[in-house]
Protein backbone atom coordinates (compact mmCIF):
# COMPACT_ATOMS: atom_id res chain seq x y z
CA UNK A 1 0.00 0.00 0.00
CA UNK A 2 1.11 3.59 -0.65
CA UNK A 3 2.68 5.26 2.37
CA UNK A 4 0.04 8.00 2.65
CA UNK A 5 -2.98 6.20 1.25
CA UNK A 6 -6.11 8.34 1.84
CA UNK A 7 -4.30 10.59 4.33
CA UNK A 8 -5.48 14.20 4.24
CA UNK A 9 -2.49 16.54 4.09
CA UNK A 10 -2.46 20.34 4.38
CA UNK A 11 0.70 21.91 2.93
CA UNK A 12 1.38 25.62 3.41
CA UNK A 13 3.64 27.13 0.78
CA UNK A 14 2.43 24.22 -1.31
CA UNK A 15 2.75 25.52 -4.86
CA UNK A 16 6.50 26.06 -5.23
CA UNK A 17 9.85 24.72 -4.08
CA UNK A 18 9.85 22.12 -1.32
CA UNK A 19 6.09 22.42 -0.86
CA UNK A 20 5.26 21.63 -4.49
CA UNK A 21 7.79 18.78 -4.69
CA UNK A 22 6.30 17.32 -1.50
CA UNK A 23 2.77 17.70 -2.85
CA UNK A 24 3.76 15.75 -5.98
CA UNK A 25 5.40 12.96 -3.98
CA UNK A 26 2.64 12.79 -1.37
CA UNK A 27 0.09 12.54 -4.17
CA UNK A 28 1.99 9.60 -5.65
CA UNK A 29 1.82 7.98 -2.22
CA UNK A 30 -1.98 8.23 -2.10
CA UNK A 31 -2.53 11.47 -0.16
CA UNK A 32 -5.48 13.81 -0.47
CA UNK A 33 -4.10 17.33 -0.63
CA UNK A 34 -4.93 20.85 0.47
CA UNK A 35 -2.42 23.30 -1.00
CA UNK A 36 -2.17 26.67 0.73
CA UNK A 37 -0.46 29.72 -0.72
CA UNK A 38 -0.95 33.37 -1.69
CA UNK A 39 -1.02 33.16 -5.51
CA UNK A 40 -4.61 32.17 -6.27
CA UNK A 41 -4.24 31.91 -10.05
CA UNK A 42 -1.14 29.70 -9.86
CA UNK A 43 -2.58 27.64 -7.00
CA UNK A 44 -5.84 26.88 -8.77
CA UNK A 45 -3.94 25.93 -11.93
CA UNK A 46 -1.68 23.53 -10.04
CA UNK A 47 -4.58 21.94 -8.17
CA UNK A 48 -6.43 21.43 -11.45
CA UNK A 49 -3.36 19.88 -13.08
CA UNK A 50 -2.87 17.51 -10.12
CA UNK A 51 -6.43 16.26 -10.49
CA UNK A 52 -8.90 14.73 -8.07
CA UNK A 53 -8.44 14.86 -4.31
CA UNK A 54 -6.40 18.07 -4.56
CA UNK A 55 -7.75 21.49 -3.66
CA UNK A 56 -6.15 24.91 -3.36
CA UNK A 57 -7.00 27.43 -0.65
CA UNK A 58 -5.70 30.97 -1.06
CA UNK A 59 -4.52 32.24 2.33
CA UNK A 60 -2.14 34.52 4.16
CA UNK A 61 -0.62 32.14 6.70
CA UNK A 62 -0.20 34.99 9.19
CA UNK A 63 -3.94 35.68 9.26
CA UNK A 64 -5.94 33.82 11.91
CA UNK A 65 -9.10 34.27 9.84
CA UNK A 66 -7.44 32.79 6.75
CA UNK A 67 -5.95 29.94 8.75
CA UNK A 68 -9.34 29.00 10.17
CA UNK A 69 -10.78 29.09 6.66
CA UNK A 70 -8.12 26.64 5.48
CA UNK A 71 -9.18 24.10 8.11
CA UNK A 72 -12.87 24.72 7.51
CA UNK A 73 -12.43 24.02 3.80
CA UNK A 74 -10.33 20.94 4.55
CA UNK A 75 -13.01 19.46 6.81
CA UNK A 76 -15.74 20.46 4.38
CA UNK A 77 -13.95 18.65 1.53
CA UNK A 78 -12.51 15.59 3.27
CA UNK A 79 -14.10 15.38 6.72
CA UNK A 80 -10.77 15.14 8.54
CA UNK A 81 -7.10 16.18 8.54
CA UNK A 82 -4.26 13.75 9.17
CA UNK A 83 -1.06 15.68 8.45
CA UNK A 84 -0.12 19.36 8.57
CA UNK A 85 3.05 20.39 6.76
CA UNK A 86 3.98 23.92 7.90
CA UNK A 87 6.24 24.75 4.99
CA UNK A 88 5.50 28.39 4.08
CA UNK A 89 8.43 30.68 4.70
CA UNK A 90 10.36 33.74 3.59
CA UNK A 91 13.97 34.75 3.92
CA UNK A 92 16.36 37.55 3.03
CA UNK A 93 20.02 38.30 3.60
CA UNK A 94 20.68 41.79 4.85
CA UNK A 95 23.02 43.35 7.43
CA UNK A 96 21.15 43.49 10.73
CA UNK A 97 21.81 47.20 11.21
CA UNK A 98 19.90 47.79 7.95
CA UNK A 99 16.91 45.63 8.87
CA UNK A 100 13.84 47.58 9.93
CA UNK A 101 11.73 46.34 12.79
CA UNK A 102 8.83 45.84 10.35
CA UNK A 103 11.06 43.63 8.19
CA UNK A 104 12.11 41.63 11.25
CA UNK A 105 8.49 41.21 12.37
CA UNK A 106 7.37 40.10 8.90
CA UNK A 107 10.03 37.37 8.80
CA UNK A 108 9.22 36.09 12.28
CA UNK A 109 5.49 36.35 11.62
CA UNK A 110 5.66 34.15 8.51
CA UNK A 111 8.44 31.77 9.56
CA UNK A 112 7.51 31.20 13.23
CA UNK A 113 4.18 32.73 14.28
CA UNK A 114 2.29 31.11 11.42
CA UNK A 115 3.71 27.73 12.41
CA UNK A 116 2.28 28.21 15.89
CA UNK A 117 -1.08 29.38 14.51
CA UNK A 118 -1.58 26.50 12.08
CA UNK A 119 -0.27 23.93 14.56
CA UNK A 120 -2.64 25.13 17.28
CA UNK A 121 -5.64 24.88 14.96
CA UNK A 122 -4.60 21.46 13.67
CA UNK A 123 -4.10 20.12 17.19
CA UNK A 124 -7.73 20.92 17.99
CA UNK A 125 -8.79 18.53 15.22
CA UNK A 126 -6.12 15.96 16.01
CA UNK A 127 -7.21 15.74 19.65
CA UNK A 128 -10.79 15.04 18.58
CA UNK A 129 -9.64 12.40 16.10
CA UNK A 130 -7.17 10.80 18.48
CA UNK A 131 -4.20 11.16 16.12
CA UNK A 132 -2.29 13.57 13.93
CA UNK A 133 1.08 14.52 12.53
CA UNK A 134 2.75 17.91 12.13
CA UNK A 135 5.89 18.59 10.10
CA UNK A 136 7.52 22.00 10.40
CA UNK A 137 10.05 23.31 7.92
CA UNK A 138 12.82 24.79 10.03
CA UNK A 139 16.36 25.14 8.66
CA UNK A 140 19.93 24.28 9.43
CA UNK A 141 20.04 28.01 10.25
CA UNK A 142 17.91 27.18 13.24
CA UNK A 143 21.00 25.43 14.61
CA UNK A 144 23.80 27.75 13.56
CA UNK A 145 24.40 31.47 13.25
CA UNK A 146 24.90 33.27 9.97
CA UNK A 147 25.81 36.88 9.32
CA UNK A 148 23.01 38.87 7.73
CA UNK A 149 20.25 36.41 8.63
CA UNK A 150 19.39 37.39 12.20
CA UNK A 151 15.61 37.48 11.78
CA UNK A 152 15.54 34.24 9.78
CA UNK A 153 17.85 32.46 12.21
CA UNK A 154 15.81 33.60 15.19
CA UNK A 155 12.58 32.42 13.60
CA UNK A 156 13.94 29.03 12.54
CA UNK A 157 15.51 28.45 15.94
CA UNK A 158 12.09 29.17 17.37
CA UNK A 159 10.52 26.62 15.04
CA UNK A 160 12.90 23.95 16.30
CA UNK A 161 12.10 24.57 19.95
CA UNK A 162 8.37 24.99 19.25
CA UNK A 163 8.53 21.58 17.57
CA UNK A 164 10.16 20.05 20.64
CA UNK A 165 7.62 21.59 22.99
CA UNK A 166 4.56 20.53 20.99
CA UNK A 167 5.96 17.05 20.39
CA UNK A 168 6.45 16.47 24.10
CA UNK A 169 3.15 18.05 25.10
CA UNK A 170 0.95 15.97 22.80
CA UNK A 171 2.90 12.71 22.49
CA UNK A 172 0.51 10.84 24.79
CA UNK A 173 -2.42 11.93 22.60
CA UNK A 174 -0.93 10.18 19.55
CA UNK A 175 0.07 13.47 17.92
CA UNK A 176 3.58 13.57 16.47
CA UNK A 177 5.47 16.82 15.76
CA UNK A 178 8.82 16.92 13.97
CA UNK A 179 10.86 19.46 12.03
CA UNK A 180 12.70 19.21 8.74
CA UNK A 181 15.91 21.27 8.66
CA UNK A 182 17.08 21.76 5.07
CA UNK A 183 20.49 23.06 4.12
CA UNK A 184 21.07 25.14 1.00
CA UNK A 185 18.35 24.01 -1.41
CA UNK A 186 18.06 25.05 -5.04
CA UNK A 187 14.78 26.97 -4.74
CA UNK A 188 13.70 30.51 -5.70
CA UNK A 189 14.44 31.71 -2.15
CA UNK A 190 18.21 31.56 -2.93
CA UNK A 191 19.47 34.30 -5.29
CA UNK A 192 21.11 32.91 -8.42
CA UNK A 193 24.30 34.91 -7.90
CA UNK A 194 25.18 33.12 -4.64
CA UNK A 195 24.26 29.55 -5.56
CA UNK A 196 27.76 28.58 -6.72
CA UNK A 197 29.39 29.84 -3.53
CA UNK A 198 26.85 28.07 -1.35
CA UNK A 199 27.39 24.81 -3.25
CA UNK A 200 31.16 25.09 -2.75
CA UNK A 201 30.67 25.64 0.99
CA UNK A 202 28.66 22.41 1.30
CA UNK A 203 30.75 19.25 1.89
CA UNK A 204 28.75 17.27 -0.68
CA UNK A 205 29.68 19.96 -3.21
CA UNK A 206 26.25 20.98 -4.48
CA UNK A 207 22.92 22.40 -3.45
CA UNK A 208 20.14 20.07 -2.38
CA UNK A 209 17.00 19.67 -4.45
CA UNK A 210 13.36 20.15 -3.53
CA UNK A 211 12.78 16.52 -4.46
CA UNK A 212 15.34 15.38 -1.89
CA UNK A 213 13.60 17.44 0.78
CA UNK A 214 10.26 15.98 -0.29
CA UNK A 215 11.59 12.48 0.35
CA UNK A 216 12.69 13.53 3.84
CA UNK A 217 9.27 15.09 4.45
CA UNK A 218 7.60 11.87 3.31
CA UNK A 219 9.60 9.97 5.92
CA UNK A 220 8.32 12.31 8.62
CA UNK A 221 4.76 12.20 7.27
CA UNK A 222 4.57 8.41 7.05
CA UNK A 223 4.59 5.58 9.57
CA UNK A 224 8.27 5.04 8.71
CA UNK A 225 8.95 7.62 11.43
CA UNK A 226 6.30 6.33 13.85
CA UNK A 227 8.64 6.37 16.88
CA UNK A 228 9.90 9.88 16.15
CA UNK A 229 8.48 13.02 17.74
CA UNK A 230 9.74 16.31 19.23
CA UNK A 231 12.76 15.92 16.99
CA UNK A 232 14.47 17.28 13.90
CA UNK A 233 15.74 15.81 10.65
CA UNK A 234 18.67 17.83 9.28
CA UNK A 235 19.28 17.31 5.55
CA UNK A 236 22.11 19.69 4.67
CA UNK A 237 24.79 17.90 2.66
CA UNK A 238 27.02 17.86 5.75
CA UNK A 239 27.13 21.63 6.24
CA UNK A 240 26.40 21.75 9.98
CA UNK A 241 28.96 19.01 10.71
CA UNK A 242 31.84 21.30 9.73
C-alpha atoms as a PDB file:
ATOM      1  CA  UNK A   1       0.000   0.000   0.000  1.00  0.00           C
ATOM      2  CA  UNK A   2       1.105   3.589  -0.650  1.00  0.00           C
ATOM      3  CA  UNK A   3       2.679   5.264   2.367  1.00  0.00           C
ATOM      4  CA  UNK A   4       0.039   8.005   2.647  1.00  0.00           C
ATOM      5  CA  UNK A   5      -2.981   6.199   1.250  1.00  0.00           C
ATOM      6  CA  UNK A   6      -6.110   8.339   1.845  1.00  0.00           C
ATOM      7  CA  UNK A   7      -4.304  10.589   4.331  1.00  0.00           C
ATOM      8  CA  UNK A   8      -5.484  14.202   4.236  1.00  0.00           C
ATOM      9  CA  UNK A   9      -2.491  16.540   4.091  1.00  0.00           C
ATOM     10  CA  UNK A  10      -2.458  20.339   4.380  1.00  0.00           C
ATOM     11  CA  UNK A  11       0.701  21.911   2.929  1.00  0.00           C
ATOM     12  CA  UNK A  12       1.382  25.615   3.412  1.00  0.00           C
ATOM     13  CA  UNK A  13       3.636  27.127   0.777  1.00  0.00           C
ATOM     14  CA  UNK A  14       2.435  24.222  -1.306  1.00  0.00           C
ATOM     15  CA  UNK A  15       2.749  25.520  -4.864  1.00  0.00           C
ATOM     16  CA  UNK A  16       6.500  26.060  -5.229  1.00  0.00           C
ATOM     17  CA  UNK A  17       9.852  24.720  -4.082  1.00  0.00           C
ATOM     18  CA  UNK A  18       9.851  22.115  -1.323  1.00  0.00           C
ATOM     19  CA  UNK A  19       6.086  22.422  -0.865  1.00  0.00           C
ATOM     20  CA  UNK A  20       5.265  21.632  -4.493  1.00  0.00           C
ATOM     21  CA  UNK A  21       7.791  18.784  -4.685  1.00  0.00           C
ATOM     22  CA  UNK A  22       6.301  17.324  -1.497  1.00  0.00           C
ATOM     23  CA  UNK A  23       2.774  17.696  -2.850  1.00  0.00           C
ATOM     24  CA  UNK A  24       3.756  15.755  -5.979  1.00  0.00           C
ATOM     25  CA  UNK A  25       5.399  12.961  -3.983  1.00  0.00           C
ATOM     26  CA  UNK A  26       2.643  12.788  -1.366  1.00  0.00           C
ATOM     27  CA  UNK A  27       0.085  12.539  -4.170  1.00  0.00           C
ATOM     28  CA  UNK A  28       1.990   9.601  -5.653  1.00  0.00           C
ATOM     29  CA  UNK A  29       1.819   7.983  -2.215  1.00  0.00           C
ATOM     30  CA  UNK A  30      -1.977   8.226  -2.096  1.00  0.00           C
ATOM     31  CA  UNK A  31      -2.532  11.465  -0.163  1.00  0.00           C
ATOM     32  CA  UNK A  32      -5.480  13.814  -0.467  1.00  0.00           C
ATOM     33  CA  UNK A  33      -4.098  17.326  -0.629  1.00  0.00           C
ATOM     34  CA  UNK A  34      -4.927  20.845   0.469  1.00  0.00           C
ATOM     35  CA  UNK A  35      -2.421  23.296  -0.997  1.00  0.00           C
ATOM     36  CA  UNK A  36      -2.174  26.674   0.731  1.00  0.00           C
ATOM     37  CA  UNK A  37      -0.455  29.718  -0.721  1.00  0.00           C
ATOM     38  CA  UNK A  38      -0.947  33.371  -1.690  1.00  0.00           C
ATOM     39  CA  UNK A  39      -1.016  33.160  -5.510  1.00  0.00           C
ATOM     40  CA  UNK A  40      -4.614  32.167  -6.269  1.00  0.00           C
ATOM     41  CA  UNK A  41      -4.239  31.913 -10.046  1.00  0.00           C
ATOM     42  CA  UNK A  42      -1.144  29.701  -9.857  1.00  0.00           C
ATOM     43  CA  UNK A  43      -2.578  27.638  -7.001  1.00  0.00           C
ATOM     44  CA  UNK A  44      -5.840  26.876  -8.769  1.00  0.00           C
ATOM     45  CA  UNK A  45      -3.938  25.931 -11.931  1.00  0.00           C
ATOM     46  CA  UNK A  46      -1.680  23.525 -10.044  1.00  0.00           C
ATOM     47  CA  UNK A  47      -4.584  21.941  -8.169  1.00  0.00           C
ATOM     48  CA  UNK A  48      -6.431  21.428 -11.449  1.00  0.00           C
ATOM     49  CA  UNK A  49      -3.361  19.878 -13.076  1.00  0.00           C
ATOM     50  CA  UNK A  50      -2.875  17.512 -10.124  1.00  0.00           C
ATOM     51  CA  UNK A  51      -6.427  16.257 -10.490  1.00  0.00           C
ATOM     52  CA  UNK A  52      -8.899  14.728  -8.074  1.00  0.00           C
ATOM     53  CA  UNK A  53      -8.442  14.859  -4.309  1.00  0.00           C
ATOM     54  CA  UNK A  54      -6.397  18.065  -4.556  1.00  0.00           C
ATOM     55  CA  UNK A  55      -7.751  21.492  -3.658  1.00  0.00           C
ATOM     56  CA  UNK A  56      -6.147  24.908  -3.361  1.00  0.00           C
ATOM     57  CA  UNK A  57      -7.005  27.435  -0.651  1.00  0.00           C
ATOM     58  CA  UNK A  58      -5.696  30.974  -1.057  1.00  0.00           C
ATOM     59  CA  UNK A  59      -4.524  32.237   2.327  1.00  0.00           C
ATOM     60  CA  UNK A  60      -2.142  34.517   4.155  1.00  0.00           C
ATOM     61  CA  UNK A  61      -0.622  32.142   6.703  1.00  0.00           C
ATOM     62  CA  UNK A  62      -0.199  34.991   9.189  1.00  0.00           C
ATOM     63  CA  UNK A  63      -3.944  35.676   9.259  1.00  0.00           C
ATOM     64  CA  UNK A  64      -5.941  33.819  11.906  1.00  0.00           C
ATOM     65  CA  UNK A  65      -9.102  34.272   9.840  1.00  0.00           C
ATOM     66  CA  UNK A  66      -7.444  32.794   6.753  1.00  0.00           C
ATOM     67  CA  UNK A  67      -5.955  29.940   8.752  1.00  0.00           C
ATOM     68  CA  UNK A  68      -9.344  29.001  10.170  1.00  0.00           C
ATOM     69  CA  UNK A  69     -10.785  29.091   6.655  1.00  0.00           C
ATOM     70  CA  UNK A  70      -8.115  26.636   5.482  1.00  0.00           C
ATOM     71  CA  UNK A  71      -9.178  24.101   8.106  1.00  0.00           C
ATOM     72  CA  UNK A  72     -12.874  24.722   7.514  1.00  0.00           C
ATOM     73  CA  UNK A  73     -12.431  24.021   3.796  1.00  0.00           C
ATOM     74  CA  UNK A  74     -10.328  20.937   4.547  1.00  0.00           C
ATOM     75  CA  UNK A  75     -13.009  19.464   6.813  1.00  0.00           C
ATOM     76  CA  UNK A  76     -15.740  20.462   4.376  1.00  0.00           C
ATOM     77  CA  UNK A  77     -13.955  18.648   1.527  1.00  0.00           C
ATOM     78  CA  UNK A  78     -12.506  15.590   3.270  1.00  0.00           C
ATOM     79  CA  UNK A  79     -14.103  15.378   6.723  1.00  0.00           C
ATOM     80  CA  UNK A  80     -10.765  15.144   8.545  1.00  0.00           C
ATOM     81  CA  UNK A  81      -7.105  16.178   8.538  1.00  0.00           C
ATOM     82  CA  UNK A  82      -4.256  13.752   9.172  1.00  0.00           C
ATOM     83  CA  UNK A  83      -1.063  15.683   8.450  1.00  0.00           C
ATOM     84  CA  UNK A  84      -0.118  19.361   8.574  1.00  0.00           C
ATOM     85  CA  UNK A  85       3.054  20.390   6.763  1.00  0.00           C
ATOM     86  CA  UNK A  86       3.976  23.920   7.899  1.00  0.00           C
ATOM     87  CA  UNK A  87       6.241  24.752   4.994  1.00  0.00           C
ATOM     88  CA  UNK A  88       5.505  28.388   4.081  1.00  0.00           C
ATOM     89  CA  UNK A  89       8.430  30.684   4.698  1.00  0.00           C
ATOM     90  CA  UNK A  90      10.363  33.736   3.591  1.00  0.00           C
ATOM     91  CA  UNK A  91      13.972  34.746   3.921  1.00  0.00           C
ATOM     92  CA  UNK A  92      16.360  37.553   3.030  1.00  0.00           C
ATOM     93  CA  UNK A  93      20.021  38.299   3.602  1.00  0.00           C
ATOM     94  CA  UNK A  94      20.680  41.794   4.854  1.00  0.00           C
ATOM     95  CA  UNK A  95      23.017  43.348   7.431  1.00  0.00           C
ATOM     96  CA  UNK A  96      21.149  43.489  10.725  1.00  0.00           C
ATOM     97  CA  UNK A  97      21.808  47.201  11.207  1.00  0.00           C
ATOM     98  CA  UNK A  98      19.904  47.788   7.952  1.00  0.00           C
ATOM     99  CA  UNK A  99      16.908  45.633   8.873  1.00  0.00           C
ATOM    100  CA  UNK A 100      13.844  47.579   9.928  1.00  0.00           C
ATOM    101  CA  UNK A 101      11.726  46.344  12.787  1.00  0.00           C
ATOM    102  CA  UNK A 102       8.833  45.843  10.354  1.00  0.00           C
ATOM    103  CA  UNK A 103      11.061  43.625   8.190  1.00  0.00           C
ATOM    104  CA  UNK A 104      12.108  41.633  11.249  1.00  0.00           C
ATOM    105  CA  UNK A 105       8.490  41.214  12.370  1.00  0.00           C
ATOM    106  CA  UNK A 106       7.374  40.096   8.902  1.00  0.00           C
ATOM    107  CA  UNK A 107      10.033  37.371   8.804  1.00  0.00           C
ATOM    108  CA  UNK A 108       9.217  36.087  12.282  1.00  0.00           C
ATOM    109  CA  UNK A 109       5.487  36.351  11.617  1.00  0.00           C
ATOM    110  CA  UNK A 110       5.656  34.152   8.510  1.00  0.00           C
ATOM    111  CA  UNK A 111       8.436  31.775   9.562  1.00  0.00           C
ATOM    112  CA  UNK A 112       7.506  31.204  13.227  1.00  0.00           C
ATOM    113  CA  UNK A 113       4.183  32.732  14.281  1.00  0.00           C
ATOM    114  CA  UNK A 114       2.289  31.115  11.415  1.00  0.00           C
ATOM    115  CA  UNK A 115       3.710  27.734  12.405  1.00  0.00           C
ATOM    116  CA  UNK A 116       2.279  28.209  15.893  1.00  0.00           C
ATOM    117  CA  UNK A 117      -1.079  29.376  14.505  1.00  0.00           C
ATOM    118  CA  UNK A 118      -1.582  26.498  12.077  1.00  0.00           C
ATOM    119  CA  UNK A 119      -0.274  23.934  14.564  1.00  0.00           C
ATOM    120  CA  UNK A 120      -2.643  25.131  17.285  1.00  0.00           C
ATOM    121  CA  UNK A 121      -5.645  24.882  14.963  1.00  0.00           C
ATOM    122  CA  UNK A 122      -4.599  21.459  13.668  1.00  0.00           C
ATOM    123  CA  UNK A 123      -4.095  20.119  17.190  1.00  0.00           C
ATOM    124  CA  UNK A 124      -7.730  20.924  17.991  1.00  0.00           C
ATOM    125  CA  UNK A 125      -8.793  18.535  15.220  1.00  0.00           C
ATOM    126  CA  UNK A 126      -6.120  15.964  16.012  1.00  0.00           C
ATOM    127  CA  UNK A 127      -7.210  15.736  19.651  1.00  0.00           C
ATOM    128  CA  UNK A 128     -10.794  15.043  18.585  1.00  0.00           C
ATOM    129  CA  UNK A 129      -9.645  12.400  16.097  1.00  0.00           C
ATOM    130  CA  UNK A 130      -7.172  10.801  18.478  1.00  0.00           C
ATOM    131  CA  UNK A 131      -4.198  11.162  16.122  1.00  0.00           C
ATOM    132  CA  UNK A 132      -2.292  13.569  13.927  1.00  0.00           C
ATOM    133  CA  UNK A 133       1.080  14.515  12.527  1.00  0.00           C
ATOM    134  CA  UNK A 134       2.748  17.911  12.133  1.00  0.00           C
ATOM    135  CA  UNK A 135       5.886  18.594  10.098  1.00  0.00           C
ATOM    136  CA  UNK A 136       7.516  22.002  10.404  1.00  0.00           C
ATOM    137  CA  UNK A 137      10.052  23.311   7.918  1.00  0.00           C
ATOM    138  CA  UNK A 138      12.820  24.795  10.025  1.00  0.00           C
ATOM    139  CA  UNK A 139      16.356  25.144   8.660  1.00  0.00           C
ATOM    140  CA  UNK A 140      19.932  24.279   9.435  1.00  0.00           C
ATOM    141  CA  UNK A 141      20.042  28.008  10.251  1.00  0.00           C
ATOM    142  CA  UNK A 142      17.906  27.176  13.243  1.00  0.00           C
ATOM    143  CA  UNK A 143      20.996  25.426  14.615  1.00  0.00           C
ATOM    144  CA  UNK A 144      23.802  27.755  13.557  1.00  0.00           C
ATOM    145  CA  UNK A 145      24.400  31.470  13.251  1.00  0.00           C
ATOM    146  CA  UNK A 146      24.896  33.275   9.965  1.00  0.00           C
ATOM    147  CA  UNK A 147      25.811  36.882   9.324  1.00  0.00           C
ATOM    148  CA  UNK A 148      23.009  38.865   7.731  1.00  0.00           C
ATOM    149  CA  UNK A 149      20.251  36.408   8.633  1.00  0.00           C
ATOM    150  CA  UNK A 150      19.395  37.394  12.201  1.00  0.00           C
ATOM    151  CA  UNK A 151      15.612  37.479  11.780  1.00  0.00           C
ATOM    152  CA  UNK A 152      15.536  34.243   9.776  1.00  0.00           C
ATOM    153  CA  UNK A 153      17.847  32.458  12.207  1.00  0.00           C
ATOM    154  CA  UNK A 154      15.810  33.605  15.188  1.00  0.00           C
ATOM    155  CA  UNK A 155      12.582  32.417  13.595  1.00  0.00           C
ATOM    156  CA  UNK A 156      13.937  29.034  12.542  1.00  0.00           C
ATOM    157  CA  UNK A 157      15.513  28.452  15.939  1.00  0.00           C
ATOM    158  CA  UNK A 158      12.095  29.167  17.373  1.00  0.00           C
ATOM    159  CA  UNK A 159      10.515  26.622  15.043  1.00  0.00           C
ATOM    160  CA  UNK A 160      12.897  23.945  16.297  1.00  0.00           C
ATOM    161  CA  UNK A 161      12.100  24.571  19.951  1.00  0.00           C
ATOM    162  CA  UNK A 162       8.372  24.985  19.246  1.00  0.00           C
ATOM    163  CA  UNK A 163       8.532  21.576  17.570  1.00  0.00           C
ATOM    164  CA  UNK A 164      10.156  20.046  20.644  1.00  0.00           C
ATOM    165  CA  UNK A 165       7.618  21.591  22.990  1.00  0.00           C
ATOM    166  CA  UNK A 166       4.558  20.529  20.991  1.00  0.00           C
ATOM    167  CA  UNK A 167       5.963  17.052  20.387  1.00  0.00           C
ATOM    168  CA  UNK A 168       6.446  16.469  24.103  1.00  0.00           C
ATOM    169  CA  UNK A 169       3.145  18.050  25.098  1.00  0.00           C
ATOM    170  CA  UNK A 170       0.951  15.970  22.801  1.00  0.00           C
ATOM    171  CA  UNK A 171       2.898  12.707  22.490  1.00  0.00           C
ATOM    172  CA  UNK A 172       0.509  10.836  24.788  1.00  0.00           C
ATOM    173  CA  UNK A 173      -2.422  11.933  22.604  1.00  0.00           C
ATOM    174  CA  UNK A 174      -0.926  10.181  19.552  1.00  0.00           C
ATOM    175  CA  UNK A 175       0.072  13.475  17.920  1.00  0.00           C
ATOM    176  CA  UNK A 176       3.580  13.574  16.474  1.00  0.00           C
ATOM    177  CA  UNK A 177       5.467  16.815  15.759  1.00  0.00           C
ATOM    178  CA  UNK A 178       8.817  16.923  13.974  1.00  0.00           C
ATOM    179  CA  UNK A 179      10.859  19.459  12.031  1.00  0.00           C
ATOM    180  CA  UNK A 180      12.696  19.215   8.736  1.00  0.00           C
ATOM    181  CA  UNK A 181      15.906  21.270   8.658  1.00  0.00           C
ATOM    182  CA  UNK A 182      17.083  21.761   5.069  1.00  0.00           C
ATOM    183  CA  UNK A 183      20.491  23.058   4.122  1.00  0.00           C
ATOM    184  CA  UNK A 184      21.068  25.136   0.997  1.00  0.00           C
ATOM    185  CA  UNK A 185      18.351  24.013  -1.411  1.00  0.00           C
ATOM    186  CA  UNK A 186      18.062  25.049  -5.043  1.00  0.00           C
ATOM    187  CA  UNK A 187      14.783  26.969  -4.741  1.00  0.00           C
ATOM    188  CA  UNK A 188      13.696  30.514  -5.699  1.00  0.00           C
ATOM    189  CA  UNK A 189      14.437  31.709  -2.146  1.00  0.00           C
ATOM    190  CA  UNK A 190      18.207  31.560  -2.927  1.00  0.00           C
ATOM    191  CA  UNK A 191      19.473  34.299  -5.285  1.00  0.00           C
ATOM    192  CA  UNK A 192      21.106  32.906  -8.424  1.00  0.00           C
ATOM    193  CA  UNK A 193      24.299  34.909  -7.900  1.00  0.00           C
ATOM    194  CA  UNK A 194      25.175  33.118  -4.640  1.00  0.00           C
ATOM    195  CA  UNK A 195      24.262  29.545  -5.559  1.00  0.00           C
ATOM    196  CA  UNK A 196      27.757  28.583  -6.720  1.00  0.00           C
ATOM    197  CA  UNK A 197      29.389  29.841  -3.529  1.00  0.00           C
ATOM    198  CA  UNK A 198      26.846  28.066  -1.350  1.00  0.00           C
ATOM    199  CA  UNK A 199      27.390  24.814  -3.251  1.00  0.00           C
ATOM    200  CA  UNK A 200      31.156  25.094  -2.748  1.00  0.00           C
ATOM    201  CA  UNK A 201      30.666  25.641   0.992  1.00  0.00           C
ATOM    202  CA  UNK A 202      28.656  22.412   1.303  1.00  0.00           C
ATOM    203  CA  UNK A 203      30.748  19.249   1.886  1.00  0.00           C
ATOM    204  CA  UNK A 204      28.745  17.272  -0.683  1.00  0.00           C
ATOM    205  CA  UNK A 205      29.678  19.962  -3.208  1.00  0.00           C
ATOM    206  CA  UNK A 206      26.246  20.978  -4.481  1.00  0.00           C
ATOM    207  CA  UNK A 207      22.916  22.400  -3.452  1.00  0.00           C
ATOM    208  CA  UNK A 208      20.142  20.074  -2.378  1.00  0.00           C
ATOM    209  CA  UNK A 209      16.998  19.673  -4.447  1.00  0.00           C
ATOM    210  CA  UNK A 210      13.363  20.149  -3.534  1.00  0.00           C
ATOM    211  CA  UNK A 211      12.777  16.518  -4.462  1.00  0.00           C
ATOM    212  CA  UNK A 212      15.343  15.377  -1.887  1.00  0.00           C
ATOM    213  CA  UNK A 213      13.605  17.444   0.777  1.00  0.00           C
ATOM    214  CA  UNK A 214      10.257  15.982  -0.287  1.00  0.00           C
ATOM    215  CA  UNK A 215      11.586  12.477   0.351  1.00  0.00           C
ATOM    216  CA  UNK A 216      12.689  13.529   3.836  1.00  0.00           C
ATOM    217  CA  UNK A 217       9.269  15.094   4.446  1.00  0.00           C
ATOM    218  CA  UNK A 218       7.605  11.866   3.306  1.00  0.00           C
ATOM    219  CA  UNK A 219       9.604   9.970   5.919  1.00  0.00           C
ATOM    220  CA  UNK A 220       8.322  12.315   8.625  1.00  0.00           C
ATOM    221  CA  UNK A 221       4.759  12.197   7.274  1.00  0.00           C
ATOM    222  CA  UNK A 222       4.566   8.410   7.049  1.00  0.00           C
ATOM    223  CA  UNK A 223       4.590   5.578   9.566  1.00  0.00           C
ATOM    224  CA  UNK A 224       8.266   5.035   8.705  1.00  0.00           C
ATOM    225  CA  UNK A 225       8.950   7.621  11.434  1.00  0.00           C
ATOM    226  CA  UNK A 226       6.298   6.327  13.848  1.00  0.00           C
ATOM    227  CA  UNK A 227       8.642   6.368  16.879  1.00  0.00           C
ATOM    228  CA  UNK A 228       9.896   9.877  16.154  1.00  0.00           C
ATOM    229  CA  UNK A 229       8.479  13.022  17.739  1.00  0.00           C
ATOM    230  CA  UNK A 230       9.742  16.311  19.235  1.00  0.00           C
ATOM    231  CA  UNK A 231      12.757  15.922  16.986  1.00  0.00           C
ATOM    232  CA  UNK A 232      14.471  17.282  13.898  1.00  0.00           C
ATOM    233  CA  UNK A 233      15.744  15.809  10.645  1.00  0.00           C
ATOM    234  CA  UNK A 234      18.665  17.827   9.275  1.00  0.00           C
ATOM    235  CA  UNK A 235      19.283  17.313   5.547  1.00  0.00           C
ATOM    236  CA  UNK A 236      22.108  19.692   4.674  1.00  0.00           C
ATOM    237  CA  UNK A 237      24.789  17.895   2.660  1.00  0.00           C
ATOM    238  CA  UNK A 238      27.018  17.856   5.747  1.00  0.00           C
ATOM    239  CA  UNK A 239      27.133  21.634   6.239  1.00  0.00           C
ATOM    240  CA  UNK A 240      26.404  21.746   9.982  1.00  0.00           C
ATOM    241  CA  UNK A 241      28.963  19.013  10.713  1.00  0.00           C
ATOM    242  CA  UNK A 242      31.842  21.300   9.725  1.00  0.00           C
END
